[in-house]
């Protein structure tokens, strides 16, 4: 990621798109479990909050190598969390 601002905007955009997709699938499908949908939306919002807070507090502010490694790990963790969330959405 080029900047912290761009990373946070990407996180917000992707999570809002996932929530939109969840509700769209809810509208299309006749047999939906509302509790499962609510739980999934709450989990997506919790992930959004967690990763934005992590983006705001990098480790090792004075060492650029530590900061770069921190954001690299943050982005990889975020991608894995989003992949798991997408698998959960597909199982609706």
N, C-alpha and C. Protein backbone atom coordinates (compact mmCIF):
# COMPACT_ATOMS: atom_id res chain seq x y z
N UNK A 1 0.84 -1.18 0.00
CA UNK A 1 0.00 0.00 0.00
C UNK A 1 0.88 1.24 0.00
N UNK A 2 0.46 2.22 -0.73
CA UNK A 2 1.25 3.44 -0.85
C UNK A 2 1.17 4.31 0.39
N UNK A 3 0.02 4.34 1.02
CA UNK A 3 -0.12 5.17 2.20
C UNK A 3 -1.16 4.58 3.15
N UNK A 4 -1.09 5.06 4.37
CA UNK A 4 -2.04 4.61 5.39
C UNK A 4 -3.46 5.02 5.01
N UNK A 5 -3.61 6.21 4.46
CA UNK A 5 -4.92 6.72 4.05
C UNK A 5 -5.54 5.83 2.98
N UNK A 6 -4.72 5.44 2.01
CA UNK A 6 -5.21 4.59 0.92
C UNK A 6 -5.60 3.20 1.44
N UNK A 7 -4.81 2.68 2.39
CA UNK A 7 -5.11 1.38 2.99
C UNK A 7 -6.45 1.43 3.72
N UNK A 8 -6.67 2.46 4.51
CA UNK A 8 -7.92 2.57 5.26
C UNK A 8 -9.12 2.74 4.32
N UNK A 9 -8.96 3.50 3.24
CA UNK A 9 -10.04 3.65 2.27
C UNK A 9 -10.35 2.32 1.59
N UNK A 10 -9.33 1.54 1.30
CA UNK A 10 -9.52 0.23 0.68
C UNK A 10 -10.27 -0.70 1.62
N UNK A 11 -9.88 -0.70 2.88
CA UNK A 11 -10.55 -1.53 3.88
C UNK A 11 -12.02 -1.14 3.99
N UNK A 12 -12.31 0.14 4.06
CA UNK A 12 -13.69 0.61 4.17
C UNK A 12 -14.50 0.25 2.93
N UNK A 13 -13.90 0.40 1.77
CA UNK A 13 -14.62 0.11 0.52
C UNK A 13 -14.96 -1.38 0.41
N UNK A 14 -13.96 -2.23 0.66
CA UNK A 14 -14.17 -3.67 0.50
C UNK A 14 -15.19 -4.18 1.51
N UNK A 15 -15.12 -3.72 2.74
CA UNK A 15 -16.08 -4.19 3.74
C UNK A 15 -17.49 -3.71 3.43
N UNK A 16 -17.62 -2.49 2.93
CA UNK A 16 -18.96 -2.02 2.56
C UNK A 16 -19.52 -2.81 1.38
N UNK A 17 -18.66 -3.19 0.45
CA UNK A 17 -19.10 -4.01 -0.68
C UNK A 17 -19.51 -5.41 -0.22
N UNK A 18 -18.79 -5.95 0.74
CA UNK A 18 -19.16 -7.27 1.27
C UNK A 18 -20.51 -7.23 1.97
N UNK A 19 -20.75 -6.18 2.73
CA UNK A 19 -22.05 -6.05 3.41
C UNK A 19 -23.17 -5.88 2.40
N UNK A 20 -22.92 -5.11 1.35
CA UNK A 20 -23.90 -4.96 0.29
C UNK A 20 -24.19 -6.30 -0.37
N UNK A 21 -23.15 -7.08 -0.61
CA UNK A 21 -23.32 -8.39 -1.21
C UNK A 21 -24.13 -9.32 -0.31
N UNK A 22 -23.88 -9.26 0.99
CA UNK A 22 -24.64 -10.09 1.94
C UNK A 22 -26.12 -9.75 1.88
N UNK A 23 -26.45 -8.47 1.94
CA UNK A 23 -27.86 -8.08 1.91
C UNK A 23 -28.50 -8.34 0.54
N UNK A 24 -27.72 -8.23 -0.52
CA UNK A 24 -28.24 -8.53 -1.85
C UNK A 24 -28.60 -10.01 -1.97
N UNK A 25 -27.73 -10.87 -1.45
CA UNK A 25 -28.03 -12.29 -1.45
C UNK A 25 -29.24 -12.60 -0.58
N UNK A 26 -29.41 -11.84 0.47
CA UNK A 26 -30.56 -12.01 1.35
C UNK A 26 -31.85 -11.67 0.61
N UNK A 27 -31.82 -10.63 -0.21
CA UNK A 27 -33.01 -10.23 -0.97
C UNK A 27 -33.35 -11.24 -2.07
N UNK A 28 -32.34 -11.80 -2.68
CA UNK A 28 -32.55 -12.73 -3.78
C UNK A 28 -33.05 -14.09 -3.29
N UNK A 29 -32.47 -14.56 -2.22
CA UNK A 29 -32.78 -15.89 -1.72
C UNK A 29 -34.08 -15.89 -0.92
N UNK A 30 -34.85 -16.94 -1.07
CA UNK A 30 -36.11 -17.08 -0.34
C UNK A 30 -35.89 -17.63 1.07
N UNK A 31 -35.04 -18.62 1.16
CA UNK A 31 -34.81 -19.26 2.46
C UNK A 31 -33.48 -18.77 3.05
N UNK A 32 -33.57 -17.77 3.91
CA UNK A 32 -32.38 -17.20 4.53
C UNK A 32 -32.51 -17.30 6.05
N UNK A 33 -31.39 -17.46 6.67
CA UNK A 33 -31.33 -17.48 8.12
C UNK A 33 -30.90 -16.10 8.58
N UNK A 34 -31.83 -15.33 9.12
CA UNK A 34 -31.56 -13.94 9.50
C UNK A 34 -30.48 -13.82 10.56
N UNK A 35 -30.42 -14.77 11.48
CA UNK A 35 -29.39 -14.72 12.51
C UNK A 35 -28.00 -14.93 11.92
N UNK A 36 -27.90 -15.82 10.93
CA UNK A 36 -26.62 -16.06 10.28
C UNK A 36 -26.17 -14.81 9.51
N UNK A 37 -27.10 -14.16 8.86
CA UNK A 37 -26.79 -12.94 8.12
C UNK A 37 -26.35 -11.83 9.07
N UNK A 38 -27.09 -11.67 10.17
CA UNK A 38 -26.73 -10.65 11.15
C UNK A 38 -25.35 -10.90 11.74
N UNK A 39 -25.07 -12.15 12.05
CA UNK A 39 -23.77 -12.51 12.60
C UNK A 39 -22.65 -12.22 11.61
N UNK A 40 -22.89 -12.52 10.35
CA UNK A 40 -21.90 -12.28 9.31
C UNK A 40 -21.63 -10.79 9.14
N UNK A 41 -22.67 -9.98 9.15
CA UNK A 41 -22.49 -8.53 9.02
C UNK A 41 -21.74 -7.98 10.22
N UNK A 42 -22.07 -8.46 11.41
CA UNK A 42 -21.37 -8.00 12.61
C UNK A 42 -19.90 -8.38 12.55
N UNK A 43 -19.60 -9.58 12.05
CA UNK A 43 -18.20 -10.00 11.92
C UNK A 43 -17.44 -9.14 10.91
N UNK A 44 -18.09 -8.78 9.81
CA UNK A 44 -17.44 -7.93 8.81
C UNK A 44 -17.15 -6.55 9.42
N UNK A 45 -18.09 -6.02 10.17
CA UNK A 45 -17.87 -4.71 10.78
C UNK A 45 -16.78 -4.77 11.86
N UNK A 46 -16.71 -5.88 12.57
CA UNK A 46 -15.65 -6.04 13.57
C UNK A 46 -14.28 -6.12 12.90
N UNK A 47 -14.21 -6.83 11.77
CA UNK A 47 -12.95 -6.90 11.02
C UNK A 47 -12.55 -5.52 10.51
N UNK A 48 -13.53 -4.77 10.03
CA UNK A 48 -13.26 -3.41 9.55
C UNK A 48 -12.66 -2.56 10.65
N UNK A 49 -13.27 -2.60 11.81
CA UNK A 49 -12.78 -1.80 12.94
C UNK A 49 -11.38 -2.25 13.36
N UNK A 50 -11.19 -3.56 13.44
CA UNK A 50 -9.90 -4.10 13.88
C UNK A 50 -8.77 -3.66 12.96
N UNK A 51 -8.97 -3.81 11.66
CA UNK A 51 -7.88 -3.52 10.72
C UNK A 51 -7.65 -2.02 10.54
N UNK A 52 -8.66 -1.21 10.69
CA UNK A 52 -8.43 0.24 10.65
C UNK A 52 -7.67 0.68 11.89
N UNK A 53 -8.02 0.13 13.04
CA UNK A 53 -7.26 0.45 14.26
C UNK A 53 -5.82 -0.02 14.15
N UNK A 54 -5.61 -1.19 13.58
CA UNK A 54 -4.24 -1.68 13.39
C UNK A 54 -3.47 -0.80 12.42
N UNK A 55 -4.14 -0.26 11.41
CA UNK A 55 -3.46 0.61 10.45
C UNK A 55 -3.06 1.94 11.09
N UNK A 56 -3.80 2.36 12.10
CA UNK A 56 -3.49 3.62 12.77
C UNK A 56 -2.31 3.53 13.72
N UNK A 57 -1.95 2.33 14.15
CA UNK A 57 -0.91 2.17 15.17
C UNK A 57 0.20 1.23 14.69
N UNK A 58 1.09 1.71 13.83
CA UNK A 58 2.18 0.84 13.39
C UNK A 58 3.24 0.69 14.48
N UNK A 59 3.92 -0.45 14.45
CA UNK A 59 5.02 -0.68 15.39
C UNK A 59 6.31 -0.08 14.84
N UNK A 60 7.16 0.40 15.71
CA UNK A 60 8.48 0.89 15.32
C UNK A 60 8.43 2.11 14.43
N UNK A 61 7.84 3.19 14.91
CA UNK A 61 7.67 4.40 14.09
C UNK A 61 8.99 4.93 13.54
N UNK A 62 10.06 4.79 14.29
CA UNK A 62 11.34 5.39 13.89
C UNK A 62 12.14 4.50 12.94
N UNK A 63 11.76 3.25 12.79
CA UNK A 63 12.48 2.33 11.93
C UNK A 63 11.62 2.00 10.71
N UNK A 64 11.98 2.53 9.54
CA UNK A 64 11.17 2.31 8.33
C UNK A 64 11.03 0.84 7.95
N UNK A 65 12.05 0.03 8.23
CA UNK A 65 11.96 -1.39 7.90
C UNK A 65 10.91 -2.10 8.74
N UNK A 66 10.82 -1.74 10.02
CA UNK A 66 9.80 -2.33 10.89
C UNK A 66 8.40 -1.92 10.47
N UNK A 67 8.26 -0.65 10.09
CA UNK A 67 6.96 -0.15 9.65
C UNK A 67 6.54 -0.84 8.37
N UNK A 68 7.45 -1.00 7.45
CA UNK A 68 7.14 -1.67 6.19
C UNK A 68 6.74 -3.12 6.42
N UNK A 69 7.47 -3.81 7.29
CA UNK A 69 7.14 -5.19 7.61
C UNK A 69 5.79 -5.28 8.32
N UNK A 70 5.50 -4.31 9.18
CA UNK A 70 4.22 -4.28 9.91
C UNK A 70 3.05 -4.16 8.93
N UNK A 71 3.15 -3.21 8.00
CA UNK A 71 2.06 -3.01 7.04
C UNK A 71 1.95 -4.16 6.05
N UNK A 72 3.06 -4.79 5.72
CA UNK A 72 3.02 -5.95 4.85
C UNK A 72 2.25 -7.09 5.53
N UNK A 73 2.55 -7.32 6.81
CA UNK A 73 1.85 -8.36 7.57
C UNK A 73 0.37 -7.99 7.75
N UNK A 74 0.09 -6.73 8.03
CA UNK A 74 -1.29 -6.26 8.18
C UNK A 74 -2.09 -6.53 6.92
N UNK A 75 -1.53 -6.22 5.77
CA UNK A 75 -2.23 -6.41 4.50
C UNK A 75 -2.46 -7.89 4.21
N UNK A 76 -1.48 -8.73 4.51
CA UNK A 76 -1.64 -10.17 4.29
C UNK A 76 -2.71 -10.74 5.22
N UNK A 77 -2.68 -10.32 6.49
CA UNK A 77 -3.71 -10.76 7.44
C UNK A 77 -5.10 -10.33 6.98
N UNK A 78 -5.20 -9.11 6.48
CA UNK A 78 -6.49 -8.58 6.02
C UNK A 78 -7.00 -9.38 4.82
N UNK A 79 -6.10 -9.70 3.90
CA UNK A 79 -6.51 -10.49 2.74
C UNK A 79 -7.01 -11.88 3.15
N UNK A 80 -6.35 -12.50 4.10
CA UNK A 80 -6.80 -13.81 4.58
C UNK A 80 -8.15 -13.72 5.27
N UNK A 81 -8.35 -12.68 6.06
CA UNK A 81 -9.63 -12.50 6.75
C UNK A 81 -10.75 -12.26 5.73
N UNK A 82 -10.48 -11.49 4.70
CA UNK A 82 -11.49 -11.24 3.68
C UNK A 82 -11.78 -12.51 2.87
N UNK A 83 -10.77 -13.32 2.62
CA UNK A 83 -11.00 -14.58 1.91
C UNK A 83 -11.90 -15.50 2.72
N UNK A 84 -11.67 -15.57 4.02
CA UNK A 84 -12.53 -16.39 4.88
C UNK A 84 -13.95 -15.85 4.92
N UNK A 85 -14.08 -14.54 4.95
CA UNK A 85 -15.41 -13.92 4.96
C UNK A 85 -16.14 -14.19 3.66
N UNK A 86 -15.44 -14.13 2.55
CA UNK A 86 -16.06 -14.40 1.25
C UNK A 86 -16.53 -15.86 1.18
N UNK A 87 -15.75 -16.78 1.75
CA UNK A 87 -16.17 -18.18 1.79
C UNK A 87 -17.45 -18.32 2.62
N UNK A 88 -17.54 -17.57 3.71
CA UNK A 88 -18.74 -17.61 4.53
C UNK A 88 -19.95 -17.05 3.78
N UNK A 89 -19.73 -16.00 3.01
CA UNK A 89 -20.82 -15.41 2.24
C UNK A 89 -21.28 -16.37 1.15
N UNK A 90 -20.34 -17.05 0.52
CA UNK A 90 -20.70 -18.01 -0.52
C UNK A 90 -21.51 -19.18 0.01
N UNK A 91 -21.34 -19.47 1.29
CA UNK A 91 -22.09 -20.60 1.86
C UNK A 91 -23.51 -20.24 2.26
N UNK A 92 -23.90 -18.96 2.07
CA UNK A 92 -25.27 -18.57 2.40
C UNK A 92 -26.20 -19.26 1.50
